[in-house]
Amino acid sequence: MRGLRILFVCLVALGAGAAPSYAQVGYDRPGGDYSNFPVRNGDPAVCAARCEREGRCRAWSFSYPGTAATAATCWLKQQVTQRVEDTCCVSGVKGAAVLEPKSGQIEFSIDRYGGDYRNMEVAADPTGAVCETACKGEDRCRAWTYVRPGYLGTSARCFLKEKLTKPRHKPCCVSGVLR
């Protein structure tokens, strides 16, 4: 009987470990840091990959440029600390993939480069809604790209587009298309 219980516990543990784990966009894991480094391309996936390669790493937090430091920064952690909601960051535990949220027609980590007819400085908004609203207010606008603060300067920028362009993965941006 004891052997069956041990087998059951092992199978449950294996099953739980097999479930996919994802990083949390919009969350930080303060504390437990043993190292940090700038992420030149500003992509949180670099942080997750570095944690995977280091035996000591148990969790990580990535901060967008201009939040915790001037440059995008990866914080490697020797323990899994409690996550707290914060738009500055993306965080995860070892083995966590970085998946941006899916929200209808809004495209996270997508830049629609080109086709611009106007751009402007806007208030920081991790959802890009301020840029979407500006596009909806103009007949000429077909698509938009919101660039997070720190990627093109200290402020956030909104690019309104008169034509659709091919989407490209870039962690700096949130884009959308008006249909």
N, C-alpha and C. Protein backbone atom coordinates (compact mmCIF):
# COMPACT_ATOMS: atom_id res chain seq x y z
N MET A 1 0.82 -1.19 0.00
CA MET A 1 0.00 0.00 0.00
C MET A 1 0.87 1.26 0.00
N ARG A 2 1.89 1.25 0.86
CA ARG A 2 2.80 2.41 0.93
C ARG A 2 3.47 2.64 -0.42
N GLY A 3 3.86 1.58 -1.10
CA GLY A 3 4.49 1.67 -2.41
C GLY A 3 3.57 2.30 -3.45
N LEU A 4 2.27 1.98 -3.38
CA LEU A 4 1.30 2.57 -4.30
C LEU A 4 1.14 4.08 -4.05
N ARG A 5 1.14 4.46 -2.77
CA ARG A 5 1.05 5.89 -2.44
C ARG A 5 2.26 6.65 -2.98
N ILE A 6 3.43 6.11 -2.82
CA ILE A 6 4.65 6.75 -3.33
C ILE A 6 4.59 6.86 -4.85
N LEU A 7 4.14 5.80 -5.51
CA LEU A 7 4.01 5.82 -6.96
C LEU A 7 3.00 6.89 -7.39
N PHE A 8 1.87 6.99 -6.70
CA PHE A 8 0.84 7.99 -7.01
C PHE A 8 1.41 9.40 -6.86
N VAL A 9 2.11 9.66 -5.75
CA VAL A 9 2.71 10.99 -5.52
C VAL A 9 3.72 11.32 -6.62
N CYS A 10 4.51 10.36 -7.03
CA CYS A 10 5.49 10.59 -8.10
C CYS A 10 4.80 10.90 -9.42
N LEU A 11 3.73 10.15 -9.75
CA LEU A 11 3.01 10.40 -10.99
C LEU A 11 2.35 11.78 -10.99
N VAL A 12 1.79 12.19 -9.87
CA VAL A 12 1.19 13.52 -9.77
C VAL A 12 2.26 14.59 -9.94
N ALA A 13 3.39 14.40 -9.31
CA ALA A 13 4.49 15.38 -9.43
C ALA A 13 4.99 15.47 -10.86
N LEU A 14 5.13 14.32 -11.53
CA LEU A 14 5.57 14.33 -12.92
C LEU A 14 4.54 15.02 -13.81
N GLY A 15 3.28 14.75 -13.59
CA GLY A 15 2.22 15.38 -14.37
C GLY A 15 2.20 16.89 -14.17
N ALA A 16 2.39 17.33 -12.94
CA ALA A 16 2.40 18.77 -12.67
C ALA A 16 3.60 19.42 -13.33
N GLY A 17 4.74 18.72 -13.36
CA GLY A 17 5.93 19.29 -13.98
C GLY A 17 5.84 19.35 -15.49
N ALA A 18 4.98 18.54 -16.08
CA ALA A 18 4.87 18.50 -17.53
C ALA A 18 4.01 19.63 -18.08
N ALA A 19 3.21 20.25 -17.23
CA ALA A 19 2.36 21.35 -17.70
C ALA A 19 3.22 22.53 -18.11
N PRO A 20 2.85 23.22 -19.19
CA PRO A 20 3.66 24.34 -19.63
C PRO A 20 3.61 25.47 -18.61
N SER A 21 4.71 26.19 -18.50
CA SER A 21 4.82 27.32 -17.59
C SER A 21 5.13 28.56 -18.42
N TYR A 22 4.49 29.66 -18.08
CA TYR A 22 4.67 30.88 -18.86
C TYR A 22 5.08 32.04 -17.97
N ALA A 23 5.84 32.95 -18.54
CA ALA A 23 6.22 34.17 -17.83
C ALA A 23 4.99 35.05 -17.70
N GLN A 24 5.01 35.91 -16.70
CA GLN A 24 3.89 36.81 -16.47
C GLN A 24 4.26 38.21 -16.92
N VAL A 25 3.62 38.68 -17.99
CA VAL A 25 3.81 40.05 -18.47
C VAL A 25 3.03 40.95 -17.54
N GLY A 26 3.68 42.04 -17.07
CA GLY A 26 3.01 42.96 -16.15
C GLY A 26 3.22 42.60 -14.69
N TYR A 27 4.22 41.74 -14.42
CA TYR A 27 4.53 41.36 -13.04
C TYR A 27 6.03 41.41 -12.81
N ASP A 28 6.39 41.73 -11.56
CA ASP A 28 7.77 41.73 -11.11
C ASP A 28 7.88 40.69 -9.99
N ARG A 29 9.08 40.22 -9.73
CA ARG A 29 9.37 39.34 -8.61
C ARG A 29 10.50 39.99 -7.80
N PRO A 30 10.17 40.94 -6.93
CA PRO A 30 11.22 41.64 -6.18
C PRO A 30 11.98 40.71 -5.22
N GLY A 31 13.27 40.97 -5.08
CA GLY A 31 14.10 40.23 -4.13
C GLY A 31 14.70 38.98 -4.73
N GLY A 32 15.63 38.38 -3.96
CA GLY A 32 16.26 37.14 -4.36
C GLY A 32 17.28 37.26 -5.47
N ASP A 33 17.69 38.50 -5.83
CA ASP A 33 18.63 38.72 -6.93
C ASP A 33 20.04 38.25 -6.57
N TYR A 34 20.70 37.62 -7.52
CA TYR A 34 22.12 37.33 -7.37
C TYR A 34 22.92 37.96 -8.49
N SER A 35 22.24 38.42 -9.56
CA SER A 35 22.95 39.03 -10.68
C SER A 35 21.96 39.84 -11.51
N ASN A 36 22.48 40.85 -12.21
CA ASN A 36 21.66 41.58 -13.18
C ASN A 36 22.56 42.05 -14.30
N PHE A 37 21.96 42.28 -15.47
CA PHE A 37 22.73 42.73 -16.63
C PHE A 37 21.80 43.46 -17.59
N PRO A 38 22.35 44.41 -18.37
CA PRO A 38 21.52 45.09 -19.36
C PRO A 38 21.19 44.16 -20.53
N VAL A 39 20.01 44.33 -21.08
CA VAL A 39 19.58 43.55 -22.25
C VAL A 39 19.53 44.52 -23.42
N ARG A 40 20.57 44.50 -24.24
CA ARG A 40 20.73 45.49 -25.31
C ARG A 40 19.56 45.53 -26.30
N ASN A 41 19.02 44.38 -26.67
CA ASN A 41 17.93 44.38 -27.65
C ASN A 41 16.56 44.59 -27.00
N GLY A 42 16.51 44.66 -25.67
CA GLY A 42 15.27 44.94 -24.97
C GLY A 42 14.24 43.83 -25.02
N ASP A 43 14.66 42.58 -25.21
CA ASP A 43 13.75 41.47 -25.34
C ASP A 43 13.76 40.61 -24.07
N PRO A 44 12.61 40.45 -23.39
CA PRO A 44 12.57 39.65 -22.18
C PRO A 44 12.95 38.18 -22.39
N ALA A 45 12.84 37.67 -23.60
CA ALA A 45 13.22 36.28 -23.87
C ALA A 45 14.71 36.04 -23.62
N VAL A 46 15.53 37.07 -23.76
CA VAL A 46 16.97 36.96 -23.46
C VAL A 46 17.16 36.64 -21.98
N CYS A 47 16.38 37.27 -21.14
CA CYS A 47 16.45 37.05 -19.70
C CYS A 47 16.04 35.62 -19.34
N ALA A 48 14.93 35.18 -19.91
CA ALA A 48 14.46 33.82 -19.66
C ALA A 48 15.49 32.78 -20.10
N ALA A 49 16.10 33.00 -21.26
CA ALA A 49 17.10 32.06 -21.78
C ALA A 49 18.34 32.01 -20.89
N ARG A 50 18.77 33.15 -20.38
CA ARG A 50 19.94 33.19 -19.50
C ARG A 50 19.67 32.42 -18.22
N CYS A 51 18.46 32.57 -17.68
CA CYS A 51 18.10 31.83 -16.47
C CYS A 51 18.16 30.32 -16.73
N GLU A 52 17.72 29.90 -17.89
CA GLU A 52 17.75 28.48 -18.25
C GLU A 52 19.17 27.92 -18.24
N ARG A 53 20.13 28.74 -18.66
CA ARG A 53 21.52 28.28 -18.79
C ARG A 53 22.27 28.27 -17.47
N GLU A 54 21.78 28.98 -16.46
CA GLU A 54 22.51 29.09 -15.19
C GLU A 54 21.90 28.17 -14.14
N GLY A 55 22.73 27.29 -13.58
CA GLY A 55 22.27 26.33 -12.59
C GLY A 55 21.72 26.98 -11.33
N ARG A 56 22.25 28.11 -10.96
CA ARG A 56 21.85 28.80 -9.73
C ARG A 56 20.50 29.50 -9.86
N CYS A 57 20.08 29.80 -11.08
CA CYS A 57 18.88 30.59 -11.32
C CYS A 57 17.61 29.79 -11.08
N ARG A 58 16.69 30.38 -10.32
CA ARG A 58 15.38 29.76 -10.05
C ARG A 58 14.24 30.59 -10.64
N ALA A 59 14.47 31.90 -10.81
CA ALA A 59 13.44 32.80 -11.34
C ALA A 59 14.14 34.03 -11.92
N TRP A 60 13.37 34.86 -12.62
CA TRP A 60 13.95 36.05 -13.25
C TRP A 60 12.89 37.14 -13.38
N SER A 61 13.37 38.38 -13.48
CA SER A 61 12.51 39.52 -13.81
C SER A 61 13.23 40.36 -14.85
N PHE A 62 12.48 40.83 -15.82
CA PHE A 62 12.99 41.70 -16.87
C PHE A 62 12.28 43.04 -16.70
N SER A 63 13.04 44.14 -16.68
CA SER A 63 12.42 45.46 -16.61
C SER A 63 12.65 46.18 -17.93
N TYR A 64 11.58 46.78 -18.44
CA TYR A 64 11.67 47.54 -19.68
C TYR A 64 12.58 48.74 -19.49
N PRO A 65 13.16 49.28 -20.58
CA PRO A 65 14.03 50.46 -20.46
C PRO A 65 13.32 51.61 -19.77
N GLY A 66 14.08 52.34 -18.94
CA GLY A 66 13.54 53.52 -18.28
C GLY A 66 12.66 53.22 -17.09
N THR A 67 12.60 51.97 -16.64
CA THR A 67 11.80 51.65 -15.45
C THR A 67 12.73 51.48 -14.25
N ALA A 68 13.30 50.31 -14.06
CA ALA A 68 14.22 50.08 -12.94
C ALA A 68 15.60 50.67 -13.21
N ALA A 69 15.96 50.78 -14.47
CA ALA A 69 17.26 51.34 -14.88
C ALA A 69 17.06 52.01 -16.24
N THR A 70 18.08 52.73 -16.70
CA THR A 70 17.99 53.41 -17.99
C THR A 70 17.80 52.40 -19.12
N ALA A 71 18.59 51.33 -19.09
CA ALA A 71 18.50 50.30 -20.13
C ALA A 71 17.56 49.18 -19.67
N ALA A 72 17.09 48.39 -20.61
CA ALA A 72 16.35 47.18 -20.24
C ALA A 72 17.29 46.31 -19.42
N THR A 73 16.77 45.70 -18.35
CA THR A 73 17.63 44.98 -17.42
C THR A 73 17.01 43.64 -17.05
N CYS A 74 17.88 42.63 -16.95
CA CYS A 74 17.48 41.30 -16.50
C CYS A 74 18.00 41.10 -15.08
N TRP A 75 17.14 40.60 -14.22
CA TRP A 75 17.48 40.32 -12.82
C TRP A 75 17.33 38.81 -12.60
N LEU A 76 18.43 38.12 -12.37
CA LEU A 76 18.40 36.69 -12.11
C LEU A 76 18.27 36.45 -10.61
N LYS A 77 17.47 35.47 -10.24
CA LYS A 77 17.12 35.24 -8.84
C LYS A 77 17.46 33.84 -8.40
N GLN A 78 18.01 33.74 -7.20
CA GLN A 78 18.38 32.43 -6.65
C GLN A 78 17.22 31.76 -5.92
N GLN A 79 16.10 32.46 -5.81
CA GLN A 79 14.90 31.87 -5.21
C GLN A 79 13.68 32.41 -5.93
N VAL A 80 12.59 31.69 -5.84
CA VAL A 80 11.34 32.12 -6.46
C VAL A 80 10.61 32.99 -5.44
N THR A 81 10.57 34.29 -5.71
CA THR A 81 9.91 35.22 -4.81
C THR A 81 8.47 35.45 -5.27
N GLN A 82 7.68 36.02 -4.41
CA GLN A 82 6.28 36.31 -4.71
C GLN A 82 6.19 37.32 -5.84
N ARG A 83 5.30 37.11 -6.80
CA ARG A 83 5.13 38.07 -7.88
C ARG A 83 4.20 39.19 -7.43
N VAL A 84 4.48 40.40 -7.94
CA VAL A 84 3.63 41.55 -7.67
C VAL A 84 3.31 42.23 -9.00
N GLU A 85 2.09 42.71 -9.13
CA GLU A 85 1.67 43.35 -10.37
C GLU A 85 2.45 44.65 -10.56
N ASP A 86 3.07 44.81 -11.73
CA ASP A 86 3.83 46.02 -12.06
C ASP A 86 4.07 46.04 -13.57
N THR A 87 3.61 47.10 -14.23
CA THR A 87 3.74 47.19 -15.69
C THR A 87 5.18 47.36 -16.16
N CYS A 88 6.11 47.57 -15.23
CA CYS A 88 7.52 47.75 -15.58
C CYS A 88 8.14 46.50 -16.14
N CYS A 89 7.52 45.35 -15.84
CA CYS A 89 8.29 44.12 -15.92
C CYS A 89 7.57 42.94 -16.54
N VAL A 90 8.40 41.94 -16.81
CA VAL A 90 7.97 40.60 -17.19
C VAL A 90 8.77 39.69 -16.27
N SER A 91 8.13 38.70 -15.67
CA SER A 91 8.88 37.82 -14.80
C SER A 91 8.44 36.38 -14.98
N GLY A 92 9.29 35.48 -14.54
CA GLY A 92 8.95 34.07 -14.65
C GLY A 92 9.86 33.22 -13.80
N VAL A 93 9.54 31.96 -13.73
CA VAL A 93 10.38 30.99 -13.03
C VAL A 93 11.16 30.22 -14.09
N LYS A 94 12.20 29.55 -13.66
CA LYS A 94 13.01 28.77 -14.59
C LYS A 94 12.10 27.82 -15.36
N GLY A 95 12.25 27.79 -16.67
CA GLY A 95 11.43 26.95 -17.52
C GLY A 95 10.22 27.67 -18.09
N ALA A 96 10.04 28.94 -17.72
CA ALA A 96 8.87 29.69 -18.20
C ALA A 96 9.14 30.32 -19.56
N ALA A 97 8.23 30.12 -20.47
CA ALA A 97 8.31 30.76 -21.78
C ALA A 97 7.71 32.16 -21.69
N VAL A 98 8.18 33.08 -22.53
CA VAL A 98 7.63 34.43 -22.56
C VAL A 98 6.52 34.46 -23.59
N LEU A 99 5.31 34.66 -23.14
CA LEU A 99 4.16 34.79 -24.03
C LEU A 99 3.47 36.10 -23.73
N GLU A 100 3.35 36.93 -24.72
CA GLU A 100 2.66 38.20 -24.55
C GLU A 100 1.16 37.93 -24.51
N PRO A 101 0.41 38.80 -23.81
CA PRO A 101 -1.04 38.61 -23.75
C PRO A 101 -1.69 38.74 -25.12
N LYS A 102 -2.75 38.01 -25.31
CA LYS A 102 -3.54 38.12 -26.54
C LYS A 102 -4.81 38.87 -26.16
N SER A 103 -5.10 39.93 -26.90
CA SER A 103 -6.25 40.75 -26.56
C SER A 103 -6.94 41.21 -27.84
N GLY A 104 -7.74 40.34 -28.42
CA GLY A 104 -8.48 40.70 -29.62
C GLY A 104 -7.57 41.11 -30.75
N GLN A 105 -7.75 42.33 -31.24
CA GLN A 105 -6.98 42.82 -32.38
C GLN A 105 -5.68 43.51 -31.97
N ILE A 106 -5.39 43.60 -30.68
CA ILE A 106 -4.15 44.23 -30.23
C ILE A 106 -3.03 43.20 -30.32
N GLU A 107 -1.89 43.62 -30.90
CA GLU A 107 -0.74 42.75 -31.14
C GLU A 107 0.41 43.16 -30.23
N PHE A 108 0.66 42.39 -29.18
CA PHE A 108 1.75 42.70 -28.25
C PHE A 108 3.07 42.21 -28.82
N SER A 109 4.13 42.99 -28.61
CA SER A 109 5.48 42.71 -29.12
C SER A 109 5.51 42.63 -30.65
N ILE A 110 4.68 43.45 -31.28
CA ILE A 110 4.63 43.52 -32.74
C ILE A 110 4.82 44.97 -33.17
N ASP A 111 5.70 45.18 -34.14
CA ASP A 111 5.91 46.48 -34.78
C ASP A 111 5.41 46.36 -36.21
N ARG A 112 4.60 47.29 -36.61
CA ARG A 112 4.18 47.38 -38.02
C ARG A 112 4.97 48.55 -38.62
N TYR A 113 6.19 48.26 -39.00
CA TYR A 113 7.13 49.27 -39.48
C TYR A 113 6.71 49.82 -40.83
N GLY A 114 6.74 51.16 -40.96
CA GLY A 114 6.41 51.82 -42.22
C GLY A 114 4.94 52.19 -42.32
N GLY A 115 4.61 52.90 -43.38
CA GLY A 115 3.24 53.32 -43.60
C GLY A 115 2.78 54.48 -42.72
N ASP A 116 3.73 55.11 -42.00
CA ASP A 116 3.38 56.19 -41.07
C ASP A 116 3.00 57.46 -41.82
N TYR A 117 1.98 58.13 -41.32
CA TYR A 117 1.67 59.47 -41.81
C TYR A 117 1.80 60.50 -40.68
N ARG A 118 1.86 60.00 -39.44
CA ARG A 118 2.02 60.91 -38.31
C ARG A 118 2.49 60.12 -37.09
N ASN A 119 3.31 60.77 -36.24
CA ASN A 119 3.66 60.16 -34.95
C ASN A 119 3.66 61.24 -33.90
N MET A 120 3.45 60.84 -32.67
CA MET A 120 3.35 61.80 -31.58
C MET A 120 3.77 61.17 -30.27
N GLU A 121 4.19 62.00 -29.34
CA GLU A 121 4.49 61.56 -27.99
C GLU A 121 3.16 61.35 -27.28
N VAL A 122 3.06 60.24 -26.52
CA VAL A 122 1.84 59.94 -25.78
C VAL A 122 2.20 59.51 -24.36
N ALA A 123 1.19 59.47 -23.52
CA ALA A 123 1.39 59.00 -22.15
C ALA A 123 1.72 57.51 -22.17
N ALA A 124 2.55 57.09 -21.23
CA ALA A 124 2.90 55.67 -21.13
C ALA A 124 1.65 54.85 -20.82
N ASP A 125 1.46 53.79 -21.58
CA ASP A 125 0.28 52.93 -21.44
C ASP A 125 0.65 51.55 -21.97
N PRO A 126 0.92 50.58 -21.10
CA PRO A 126 1.40 49.27 -21.56
C PRO A 126 0.44 48.52 -22.48
N THR A 127 -0.81 48.93 -22.54
CA THR A 127 -1.78 48.27 -23.41
C THR A 127 -1.80 48.86 -24.81
N GLY A 128 -1.26 50.07 -24.99
CA GLY A 128 -1.29 50.75 -26.28
C GLY A 128 -2.63 51.38 -26.59
N ALA A 129 -3.57 51.34 -25.66
CA ALA A 129 -4.94 51.84 -25.90
C ALA A 129 -4.96 53.32 -26.30
N VAL A 130 -4.05 54.11 -25.78
CA VAL A 130 -4.01 55.53 -26.12
C VAL A 130 -3.74 55.71 -27.62
N CYS A 131 -2.92 54.87 -28.17
CA CYS A 131 -2.58 54.93 -29.59
C CYS A 131 -3.75 54.39 -30.44
N GLU A 132 -4.36 53.33 -29.99
CA GLU A 132 -5.52 52.78 -30.69
C GLU A 132 -6.65 53.82 -30.76
N THR A 133 -6.89 54.52 -29.66
CA THR A 133 -7.93 55.55 -29.62
C THR A 133 -7.62 56.67 -30.60
N ALA A 134 -6.35 57.08 -30.67
CA ALA A 134 -5.95 58.13 -31.62
C ALA A 134 -6.21 57.68 -33.06
N CYS A 135 -5.91 56.44 -33.37
CA CYS A 135 -6.11 55.92 -34.72
C CYS A 135 -7.61 55.86 -35.06
N LYS A 136 -8.41 55.41 -34.12
CA LYS A 136 -9.85 55.32 -34.36
C LYS A 136 -10.48 56.69 -34.60
N GLY A 137 -9.82 57.74 -34.11
CA GLY A 137 -10.34 59.10 -34.27
C GLY A 137 -10.01 59.75 -35.60
N GLU A 138 -9.29 59.04 -36.48
CA GLU A 138 -8.90 59.61 -37.77
C GLU A 138 -9.30 58.68 -38.91
N ASP A 139 -10.01 59.21 -39.88
CA ASP A 139 -10.47 58.42 -41.03
C ASP A 139 -9.32 57.82 -41.83
N ARG A 140 -8.22 58.52 -41.88
CA ARG A 140 -7.07 58.10 -42.68
C ARG A 140 -6.34 56.90 -42.07
N CYS A 141 -6.49 56.69 -40.78
CA CYS A 141 -5.71 55.68 -40.06
C CYS A 141 -6.24 54.28 -40.29
N ARG A 142 -5.33 53.37 -40.66
CA ARG A 142 -5.65 51.96 -40.89
C ARG A 142 -4.99 51.04 -39.86
N ALA A 143 -3.89 51.51 -39.27
CA ALA A 143 -3.15 50.72 -38.29
C ALA A 143 -2.34 51.67 -37.40
N TRP A 144 -1.82 51.14 -36.32
CA TRP A 144 -1.05 51.96 -35.38
C TRP A 144 0.01 51.10 -34.70
N THR A 145 1.05 51.77 -34.21
CA THR A 145 2.07 51.12 -33.40
C THR A 145 2.42 52.04 -32.24
N TYR A 146 2.32 51.49 -31.03
CA TYR A 146 2.72 52.18 -29.81
C TYR A 146 4.10 51.67 -29.44
N VAL A 147 5.05 52.59 -29.20
CA VAL A 147 6.40 52.21 -28.80
C VAL A 147 6.58 52.57 -27.34
N ARG A 148 6.91 51.57 -26.53
CA ARG A 148 7.09 51.76 -25.09
C ARG A 148 8.18 52.79 -24.81
N PRO A 149 8.07 53.50 -23.68
CA PRO A 149 9.14 54.44 -23.30
C PRO A 149 10.47 53.71 -23.19
N GLY A 150 11.55 54.41 -23.56
CA GLY A 150 12.89 53.85 -23.43
C GLY A 150 13.43 53.20 -24.69
N TYR A 151 12.60 52.92 -25.67
CA TYR A 151 13.07 52.27 -26.89
C TYR A 151 13.45 53.29 -27.96
N LEU A 152 12.68 54.37 -28.10
CA LEU A 152 13.00 55.42 -29.07
C LEU A 152 13.33 56.74 -28.37
N GLY A 153 13.32 56.75 -27.09
CA GLY A 153 13.55 57.94 -26.30
C GLY A 153 12.92 57.73 -24.93
N THR A 154 12.90 58.76 -24.13
CA THR A 154 12.39 58.60 -22.77
C THR A 154 10.87 58.52 -22.72
N SER A 155 10.19 59.01 -23.74
CA SER A 155 8.73 59.01 -23.77
C SER A 155 8.18 57.92 -24.68
N ALA A 156 6.92 57.59 -24.47
CA ALA A 156 6.22 56.66 -25.37
C ALA A 156 5.84 57.42 -26.63
N ARG A 157 5.77 56.71 -27.76
CA ARG A 157 5.38 57.31 -29.04
C ARG A 157 4.31 56.47 -29.70
N CYS A 158 3.46 57.16 -30.44
CA CYS A 158 2.39 56.53 -31.18
C CYS A 158 2.58 56.85 -32.67
N PHE A 159 2.57 55.82 -33.50
CA PHE A 159 2.72 55.96 -34.94
C PHE A 159 1.41 55.56 -35.60
N LEU A 160 0.80 56.50 -36.31
CA LEU A 160 -0.44 56.25 -37.04
C LEU A 160 -0.08 55.93 -38.48
N LYS A 161 -0.74 54.93 -39.04
CA LYS A 161 -0.36 54.41 -40.36
C LYS A 161 -1.53 54.45 -41.33
N GLU A 162 -1.23 54.88 -42.56
CA GLU A 162 -2.28 54.95 -43.58
C GLU A 162 -2.38 53.69 -44.42
N LYS A 163 -1.41 52.80 -44.25
CA LYS A 163 -1.47 51.52 -44.95
C LYS A 163 -0.99 50.41 -44.03
N LEU A 164 -1.44 49.20 -44.32
CA LEU A 164 -1.04 48.05 -43.52
C LEU A 164 0.34 47.57 -43.95
N THR A 165 1.15 47.25 -42.98
CA THR A 165 2.47 46.70 -43.25
C THR A 165 2.59 45.37 -42.54
N LYS A 166 3.60 44.61 -42.90
CA LYS A 166 3.82 43.29 -42.34
C LYS A 166 4.19 43.39 -40.85
N PRO A 167 3.57 42.60 -40.00
CA PRO A 167 3.92 42.61 -38.57
C PRO A 167 5.29 41.96 -38.35
N ARG A 168 6.10 42.58 -37.47
CA ARG A 168 7.41 42.04 -37.11
C ARG A 168 7.53 41.97 -35.59
N HIS A 169 8.07 40.85 -35.09
CA HIS A 169 8.24 40.70 -33.64
C HIS A 169 9.29 41.68 -33.13
N LYS A 170 8.87 42.57 -32.22
CA LYS A 170 9.79 43.49 -31.55
C LYS A 170 9.20 43.79 -30.17
N PRO A 171 9.96 43.53 -29.11
CA PRO A 171 9.43 43.71 -27.76
C PRO A 171 9.11 45.16 -27.40
N CYS A 172 9.55 46.10 -28.20
CA CYS A 172 9.34 47.51 -27.93
C CYS A 172 7.90 47.95 -28.10
N CYS A 173 7.13 47.16 -28.83
CA CYS A 173 5.93 47.71 -29.43
C CYS A 173 4.64 46.94 -29.13
N VAL A 174 3.55 47.68 -29.28
CA VAL A 174 2.19 47.13 -29.28
C VAL A 174 1.53 47.74 -30.52
N SER A 175 0.91 46.92 -31.32
CA SER A 175 0.31 47.41 -32.58
C SER A 175 -1.12 46.93 -32.70
N GLY A 176 -1.78 47.49 -33.70
CA GLY A 176 -3.16 47.08 -33.98
C GLY A 176 -3.57 47.51 -35.37
N VAL A 177 -4.58 46.85 -35.88
CA VAL A 177 -5.12 47.14 -37.20
C VAL A 177 -6.60 47.44 -37.04
N LEU A 178 -7.07 48.48 -37.69
CA LEU A 178 -8.50 48.78 -37.69
C LEU A 178 -9.13 48.05 -38.85
N ARG A 179 -10.17 47.34 -38.63
CA ARG A 179 -10.82 46.56 -39.68
C ARG A 179 -12.09 47.24 -40.11
